[in-house]
Amino acid sequence: MALAKKLQLFGAALGLALALPSLSLSEVKGGCSQDPDNPPARGQMGSVSIVTTPEKAVVYLNGDKLGLSPIDTAYPSGRFSLTLMLNGEELIKERINVCAGQKTEWEGALKMPYGSVAVKTNPTNINARVTVDGEEVGSTKGGVLTINRLEAGTRAFKVSNGKRHKEMSVNVLPEETVELNVDFKK
């Protein structure tokens, strides 16, 4: 495959991974071409190896439940849908090729598509109400309000202390806690 085509495919995969918060970069290795326009012939046997971080993700290939990762098993050749689930969440759904007489190796890190935001105010002793995307989620009650299990991506926050309010966008990151410091003294 020409270098320009490889760079184009990598750029498309990177763009998709960055656009979808639950996806992380993965790598497909082995001698089997992953060109979506050239699927391998069906009817012969190849093999697949699926390694995830963390381990114990449920692995489906073309709807067949293969078990918990890591997986290393024989599988018919062809182009198939790979689905990886962790804690009941579908985190990966992509197409992979399995070639006759070859091993296709998929390796990747899985992240839950949720993060947290810790809201802190200055001064700290105020009771500020917090809304996310127009929905009230709680108040600081003179301390820190941590909002858990927020869908990753850009979210609109509004923090009000009764007299003033501040609005800002926050980029919620998968499996991370972002600190939001709101200064009412300025």
C-alpha atoms as a PDB file:
ATOM      1  CA  MET A   1       0.000   0.000   0.000  1.00  0.00           C
ATOM      2  CA  ALA A   2       1.416   3.378  -0.935  1.00  0.00           C
ATOM      3  CA  LEU A   3       2.595   5.694   1.840  1.00  0.00           C
ATOM      4  CA  ALA A   4       0.043   8.357   0.863  1.00  0.00           C
ATOM      5  CA  LYS A   5      -2.801   5.807   1.212  1.00  0.00           C
ATOM      6  CA  LYS A   6      -1.478   4.654   4.613  1.00  0.00           C
ATOM      7  CA  LEU A   7      -1.293   8.263   5.832  1.00  0.00           C
ATOM      8  CA  GLN A   8      -4.815   8.897   4.547  1.00  0.00           C
ATOM      9  CA  LEU A   9      -6.173   5.827   6.383  1.00  0.00           C
ATOM     10  CA  PHE A  10      -4.280   6.780   9.572  1.00  0.00           C
ATOM     11  CA  GLY A  11      -5.612  10.354   9.365  1.00  0.00           C
ATOM     12  CA  ALA A  12      -9.183   9.071   8.985  1.00  0.00           C
ATOM     13  CA  ALA A  13      -8.765   6.705  11.949  1.00  0.00           C
ATOM     14  CA  LEU A  14      -7.215   9.458  14.071  1.00  0.00           C
ATOM     15  CA  GLY A  15     -10.024  11.861  13.184  1.00  0.00           C
ATOM     16  CA  LEU A  16     -12.625   9.257  14.155  1.00  0.00           C
ATOM     17  CA  ALA A  17     -10.836   8.464  17.417  1.00  0.00           C
ATOM     18  CA  LEU A  18     -10.676  12.133  18.358  1.00  0.00           C
ATOM     19  CA  ALA A  19     -14.305  12.769  17.386  1.00  0.00           C
ATOM     20  CA  LEU A  20     -15.697   9.926  19.485  1.00  0.00           C
ATOM     21  CA  PRO A  21     -14.727  10.223  23.131  1.00  0.00           C
ATOM     22  CA  SER A  22     -15.073   6.543  23.952  1.00  0.00           C
ATOM     23  CA  LEU A  23     -12.545   5.568  21.313  1.00  0.00           C
ATOM     24  CA  SER A  24      -8.864   5.528  21.757  1.00  0.00           C
ATOM     25  CA  LEU A  25      -6.234   4.816  19.182  1.00  0.00           C
ATOM     26  CA  SER A  26      -5.913   1.151  18.363  1.00  0.00           C
ATOM     27  CA  GLU A  27      -3.525  -0.751  16.181  1.00  0.00           C
ATOM     28  CA  VAL A  28      -4.149  -3.647  13.808  1.00  0.00           C
ATOM     29  CA  LYS A  29      -1.001  -5.629  13.083  1.00  0.00           C
ATOM     30  CA  GLY A  30      -0.159  -8.683  11.039  1.00  0.00           C
ATOM     31  CA  GLY A  31       0.273  -9.378   7.352  1.00  0.00           C
ATOM     32  CA  CYS A  32      -3.427  -9.050   6.534  1.00  0.00           C
ATOM     33  CA  SER A  33      -4.232  -5.830   4.679  1.00  0.00           C
ATOM     34  CA  GLN A  34      -6.887  -3.750   6.431  1.00  0.00           C
ATOM     35  CA  ASP A  35      -7.880  -1.954   3.208  1.00  0.00           C
ATOM     36  CA  PRO A  36     -11.690  -1.613   3.464  1.00  0.00           C
ATOM     37  CA  ASP A  37     -11.986  -1.574  -0.332  1.00  0.00           C
ATOM     38  CA  ASN A  38     -10.184  -4.924  -0.633  1.00  0.00           C
ATOM     39  CA  PRO A  39     -11.736  -7.414   1.815  1.00  0.00           C
ATOM     40  CA  PRO A  40     -10.111 -10.853   1.932  1.00  0.00           C
ATOM     41  CA  ALA A  41     -11.809 -13.846   0.334  1.00  0.00           C
ATOM     42  CA  ARG A  42     -14.132 -15.834   2.585  1.00  0.00           C
ATOM     43  CA  GLY A  43     -14.190 -19.562   3.129  1.00  0.00           C
ATOM     44  CA  GLN A  44     -10.711 -20.215   4.487  1.00  0.00           C
ATOM     45  CA  MET A  45      -9.223 -20.022   7.976  1.00  0.00           C
ATOM     46  CA  GLY A  46      -7.101 -17.342   9.569  1.00  0.00           C
ATOM     47  CA  SER A  47      -6.773 -16.259  13.169  1.00  0.00           C
ATOM     48  CA  VAL A  48      -7.366 -13.212  15.368  1.00  0.00           C
ATOM     49  CA  SER A  49      -5.680 -11.913  18.478  1.00  0.00           C
ATOM     50  CA  ILE A  50      -7.514  -9.209  20.453  1.00  0.00           C
ATOM     51  CA  VAL A  51      -5.635  -7.515  23.321  1.00  0.00           C
ATOM     52  CA  THR A  52      -7.230  -4.709  25.332  1.00  0.00           C
ATOM     53  CA  THR A  53      -6.122  -2.495  28.178  1.00  0.00           C
ATOM     54  CA  PRO A  54      -7.738  -3.090  30.583  1.00  0.00           C
ATOM     55  CA  GLU A  55      -8.243  -6.798  30.009  1.00  0.00           C
ATOM     56  CA  LYS A  56     -11.544  -8.675  30.318  1.00  0.00           C
ATOM     57  CA  ALA A  57     -13.474  -6.733  27.695  1.00  0.00           C
ATOM     58  CA  VAL A  58     -16.181  -8.843  26.035  1.00  0.00           C
ATOM     59  CA  VAL A  59     -15.109  -9.504  22.433  1.00  0.00           C
ATOM     60  CA  TYR A  60     -17.575 -10.009  19.578  1.00  0.00           C
ATOM     61  CA  LEU A  61     -16.542 -10.701  16.001  1.00  0.00           C
ATOM     62  CA  ASN A  62     -19.367 -10.472  13.490  1.00  0.00           C
ATOM     63  CA  GLY A  63     -21.832 -10.957  16.350  1.00  0.00           C
ATOM     64  CA  ASP A  64     -20.098 -14.130  17.625  1.00  0.00           C
ATOM     65  CA  LYS A  65     -19.112 -13.811  21.278  1.00  0.00           C
ATOM     66  CA  LEU A  66     -15.481 -14.932  21.456  1.00  0.00           C
ATOM     67  CA  GLY A  67     -15.065 -14.372  25.211  1.00  0.00           C
ATOM     68  CA  LEU A  68     -13.033 -12.011  27.379  1.00  0.00           C
ATOM     69  CA  SER A  69      -9.861 -10.297  26.189  1.00  0.00           C
ATOM     70  CA  PRO A  70      -7.135 -11.228  25.601  1.00  0.00           C
ATOM     71  CA  ILE A  71      -8.336 -13.542  22.815  1.00  0.00           C
ATOM     72  CA  ASP A  72      -6.226 -15.608  20.419  1.00  0.00           C
ATOM     73  CA  THR A  73      -8.279 -17.946  18.244  1.00  0.00           C
ATOM     74  CA  ALA A  74      -8.792 -19.347  14.752  1.00  0.00           C
ATOM     75  CA  TYR A  75     -11.478 -17.547  12.722  1.00  0.00           C
ATOM     76  CA  PRO A  76     -12.765 -17.749   9.134  1.00  0.00           C
ATOM     77  CA  SER A  77     -11.293 -15.284   6.656  1.00  0.00           C
ATOM     78  CA  GLY A  78     -13.248 -12.209   5.528  1.00  0.00           C
ATOM     79  CA  ARG A  79     -14.177  -8.674   6.639  1.00  0.00           C
ATOM     80  CA  PHE A  80     -15.937  -8.582  10.000  1.00  0.00           C
ATOM     81  CA  SER A  81     -17.341  -6.212  12.597  1.00  0.00           C
ATOM     82  CA  LEU A  82     -15.306  -6.150  15.826  1.00  0.00           C
ATOM     83  CA  THR A  83     -17.242  -5.029  18.925  1.00  0.00           C
ATOM     84  CA  LEU A  84     -15.651  -4.580  22.356  1.00  0.00           C
ATOM     85  CA  MET A  85     -17.735  -4.065  25.486  1.00  0.00           C
ATOM     86  CA  LEU A  86     -16.561  -3.183  28.979  1.00  0.00           C
ATOM     87  CA  ASN A  87     -18.817  -2.761  32.020  1.00  0.00           C
ATOM     88  CA  GLY A  88     -21.875  -3.028  29.767  1.00  0.00           C
ATOM     89  CA  GLU A  89     -20.706  -0.183  27.497  1.00  0.00           C
ATOM     90  CA  GLU A  90     -19.971  -0.663  23.808  1.00  0.00           C
ATOM     91  CA  LEU A  91     -16.611   1.066  23.484  1.00  0.00           C
ATOM     92  CA  ILE A  92     -15.313  -0.104  20.115  1.00  0.00           C
ATOM     93  CA  LYS A  93     -17.140  -0.995  16.933  1.00  0.00           C
ATOM     94  CA  GLU A  94     -14.942  -1.198  13.853  1.00  0.00           C
ATOM     95  CA  ARG A  95     -14.325  -3.403  10.842  1.00  0.00           C
ATOM     96  CA  ILE A  96     -11.287  -5.671  10.578  1.00  0.00           C
ATOM     97  CA  ASN A  97     -10.039  -8.060   7.922  1.00  0.00           C
ATOM     98  CA  VAL A  98      -9.027 -11.649   8.692  1.00  0.00           C
ATOM     99  CA  CYS A  99      -6.887 -13.218   5.946  1.00  0.00           C
ATOM    100  CA  ALA A 100      -6.479 -16.897   5.153  1.00  0.00           C
ATOM    101  CA  GLY A 101      -3.429 -18.436   6.826  1.00  0.00           C
ATOM    102  CA  GLN A 102      -2.540 -15.198   8.658  1.00  0.00           C
ATOM    103  CA  LYS A 103      -3.033 -13.728  12.109  1.00  0.00           C
ATOM    104  CA  THR A 104      -4.778 -10.371  12.494  1.00  0.00           C
ATOM    105  CA  GLU A 105      -3.738  -8.695  15.749  1.00  0.00           C
ATOM    106  CA  TRP A 106      -5.883  -5.877  17.214  1.00  0.00           C
ATOM    107  CA  GLU A 107      -4.502  -4.034  20.229  1.00  0.00           C
ATOM    108  CA  GLY A 108      -5.917  -0.983  21.979  1.00  0.00           C
ATOM    109  CA  ALA A 109      -6.686   0.869  25.183  1.00  0.00           C
ATOM    110  CA  LEU A 110     -10.317   1.177  26.218  1.00  0.00           C
ATOM    111  CA  LYS A 111     -11.696   4.203  28.039  1.00  0.00           C
ATOM    112  CA  MET A 112     -15.163   4.719  29.378  1.00  0.00           C
ATOM    113  CA  PRO A 113     -16.855   7.653  27.611  1.00  0.00           C
ATOM    114  CA  TYR A 114     -17.436   9.506  30.902  1.00  0.00           C
ATOM    115  CA  GLY A 115     -15.432  11.882  33.038  1.00  0.00           C
ATOM    116  CA  SER A 116     -15.854  14.129  36.076  1.00  0.00           C
ATOM    117  CA  VAL A 117     -15.673  17.849  36.756  1.00  0.00           C
ATOM    118  CA  ALA A 118     -14.723  19.294  40.159  1.00  0.00           C
ATOM    119  CA  VAL A 119     -16.219  22.791  40.570  1.00  0.00           C
ATOM    120  CA  LYS A 120     -14.364  25.108  42.976  1.00  0.00           C
ATOM    121  CA  THR A 121     -15.277  28.709  43.712  1.00  0.00           C
ATOM    122  CA  ASN A 122     -13.338  31.716  44.931  1.00  0.00           C
ATOM    123  CA  PRO A 123     -14.262  32.557  47.633  1.00  0.00           C
ATOM    124  CA  THR A 124     -14.675  28.929  48.679  1.00  0.00           C
ATOM    125  CA  ASN A 125     -17.291  29.526  51.387  1.00  0.00           C
ATOM    126  CA  ILE A 126     -20.174  30.415  49.036  1.00  0.00           C
ATOM    127  CA  ASN A 127     -23.070  28.215  48.016  1.00  0.00           C
ATOM    128  CA  ALA A 128     -23.032  28.327  44.213  1.00  0.00           C
ATOM    129  CA  ARG A 129     -25.583  26.498  42.045  1.00  0.00           C
ATOM    130  CA  VAL A 130     -24.190  24.601  39.074  1.00  0.00           C
ATOM    131  CA  THR A 131     -25.943  23.706  35.826  1.00  0.00           C
ATOM    132  CA  VAL A 132     -24.540  21.565  33.006  1.00  0.00           C
ATOM    133  CA  ASP A 133     -26.072  21.957  29.558  1.00  0.00           C
ATOM    134  CA  GLY A 134     -28.986  23.853  31.142  1.00  0.00           C
ATOM    135  CA  GLU A 135     -29.753  21.176  33.756  1.00  0.00           C
ATOM    136  CA  GLU A 136     -29.139  21.870  37.455  1.00  0.00           C
ATOM    137  CA  VAL A 137     -26.746  19.287  38.922  1.00  0.00           C
ATOM    138  CA  GLY A 138     -26.103  20.565  42.457  1.00  0.00           C
ATOM    139  CA  SER A 139     -24.388  23.235  44.525  1.00  0.00           C
ATOM    140  CA  THR A 140     -20.963  23.773  46.024  1.00  0.00           C
ATOM    141  CA  LYS A 141     -22.334  24.259  49.581  1.00  0.00           C
ATOM    142  CA  GLY A 142     -19.187  26.114  50.598  1.00  0.00           C
ATOM    143  CA  GLY A 143     -16.883  23.427  49.233  1.00  0.00           C
ATOM    144  CA  VAL A 144     -16.118  21.513  46.056  1.00  0.00           C
ATOM    145  CA  LEU A 145     -18.867  19.984  43.932  1.00  0.00           C
ATOM    146  CA  THR A 146     -17.695  16.975  41.913  1.00  0.00           C
ATOM    147  CA  ILE A 147     -20.015  15.943  39.113  1.00  0.00           C
ATOM    148  CA  ASN A 148     -19.361  12.343  38.078  1.00  0.00           C
ATOM    149  CA  ARG A 149     -20.291  10.317  35.019  1.00  0.00           C
ATOM    150  CA  LEU A 150     -20.558  13.246  32.632  1.00  0.00           C
ATOM    151  CA  GLU A 151     -20.482  12.271  28.976  1.00  0.00           C
ATOM    152  CA  ALA A 152     -17.102  13.203  27.524  1.00  0.00           C
ATOM    153  CA  GLY A 153     -16.946  16.184  25.191  1.00  0.00           C
ATOM    154  CA  THR A 154     -17.544  19.924  25.433  1.00  0.00           C
ATOM    155  CA  ARG A 155     -20.223  20.811  27.989  1.00  0.00           C
ATOM    156  CA  ALA A 156     -21.774  24.182  28.895  1.00  0.00           C
ATOM    157  CA  PHE A 157     -21.430  25.074  32.593  1.00  0.00           C
ATOM    158  CA  LYS A 158     -23.190  27.891  34.455  1.00  0.00           C
ATOM    159  CA  VAL A 159     -22.194  28.650  38.058  1.00  0.00           C
ATOM    160  CA  SER A 160     -24.370  31.123  40.022  1.00  0.00           C
ATOM    161  CA  ASN A 161     -23.787  32.543  43.498  1.00  0.00           C
ATOM    162  CA  GLY A 162     -27.140  34.334  43.741  1.00  0.00           C
ATOM    163  CA  LYS A 163     -25.831  37.744  42.675  1.00  0.00           C
ATOM    164  CA  ARG A 164     -23.603  36.846  39.748  1.00  0.00           C
ATOM    165  CA  HIS A 165     -23.174  33.989  37.369  1.00  0.00           C
ATOM    166  CA  LYS A 166     -20.361  32.723  35.186  1.00  0.00           C
ATOM    167  CA  GLU A 167     -20.806  30.672  32.022  1.00  0.00           C
ATOM    168  CA  MET A 168     -18.063  28.622  30.428  1.00  0.00           C
ATOM    169  CA  SER A 169     -17.402  25.613  28.217  1.00  0.00           C
ATOM    170  CA  VAL A 170     -15.566  22.677  29.735  1.00  0.00           C
ATOM    171  CA  ASN A 171     -13.976  19.818  27.820  1.00  0.00           C
ATOM    172  CA  VAL A 172     -14.864  16.684  29.822  1.00  0.00           C
ATOM    173  CA  LEU A 173     -12.193  14.023  29.278  1.00  0.00           C
ATOM    174  CA  PRO A 174     -12.805  10.255  29.395  1.00  0.00           C
ATOM    175  CA  GLU A 175     -11.908   8.721  32.764  1.00  0.00           C
ATOM    176  CA  GLU A 176     -10.417  11.976  34.079  1.00  0.00           C
ATOM    177  CA  THR A 177     -11.461  14.668  36.544  1.00  0.00           C
ATOM    178  CA  VAL A 178     -11.213  18.198  35.193  1.00  0.00           C
ATOM    179  CA  GLU A 179     -11.003  21.081  37.684  1.00  0.00           C
ATOM    180  CA  LEU A 180     -13.216  24.096  37.037  1.00  0.00           C
ATOM    181  CA  ASN A 181     -12.136  27.120  39.097  1.00  0.00           C
ATOM    182  CA  VAL A 182     -14.741  29.895  39.177  1.00  0.00           C
ATOM    183  CA  ASP A 183     -13.580  33.270  40.507  1.00  0.00           C
ATOM    184  CA  PHE A 184     -16.408  35.502  41.764  1.00  0.00           C
ATOM    185  CA  LYS A 185     -13.941  38.085  43.185  1.00  0.00           C
ATOM    186  CA  LYS A 186     -13.104  39.498  39.745  1.00  0.00           C
END
